[in-house]
Amino acid sequence: MILRERVKKDFHIHIVDDDASVRESLKALIGGEGYGVSCYASGQNFLDHSNGVSGCVIIDLKLIDMNGLALQRALITQQAEVDVIVVSAYGDIEHAVESMRLGAVDFLEKPFDPEQLLNRLDHLAHAADAAGRLQRDARQRAALIDTLTPREKQVLSGIVEGQANKEVAADLGISARTVETHRVHIMQKLQANSLAHLVRIWLEASARKEPIAEAS
């Protein structure tokens, strides 16, 4: 228990949201679990204090001064060693995919389950002690990709590019309903519980594999 508390105390959480009530509620929720928490009312406010930061930053997609994705890009430029979770009341496939491509570990749609966020933070806080397990997970996910049919791999490729079902259907010459059926099967085969989870599985697996093959 003491070790667990120490891990949380050393894993600092940064909340970037222009809504004061959201900042305070998240601070109370996360701080109550033993994490150190800092709050910022704008993207620039966080960037002004981001030199040498560590831990995890929770970024609202629509900030008062910049897009949350722009803040992610700025952190990449700074080579900030932080995990990123993007939250939004206006989530869509395009933004979810882009945030994951920029390295976000999750994309949560408001209102989200507090336990889901706390479980994610707990996983991240202990990630340094689980490097071997994460490598095994990547290998397992690469193996799951191999269970997809050639057509499912094509549909998956469109999904992770941020395409809507109709766009994937037009590219492949099939109906949007067929694309949706493939998408359901893909989610089941890859054991994905959300779009963000699906994209994360593909990104982690693709780091160990060649690009998704096209159907013959």
Foldseek 3Di string as FASTA:
>chain_A
DVVLLVLQQVAAEEEEALDPVVQVVVCCLSVVVNHHYHYHNFLVRCVVVQVPDEHEYEAEQDGPPDGSLVSLVVCVVVVRHYAYEYEYQDDDLQVLLSVVVSPHLYYYYPPDDSVVVVVVSSCVSCVVVCVVVLVVLLVVLLVLLVVADLVLLLLLVCSSNSDQLCVSCVVVVHDSVVSVVSVVVSCVSSVPPDSSSSNNSVVSNCVVHPRRDHDD
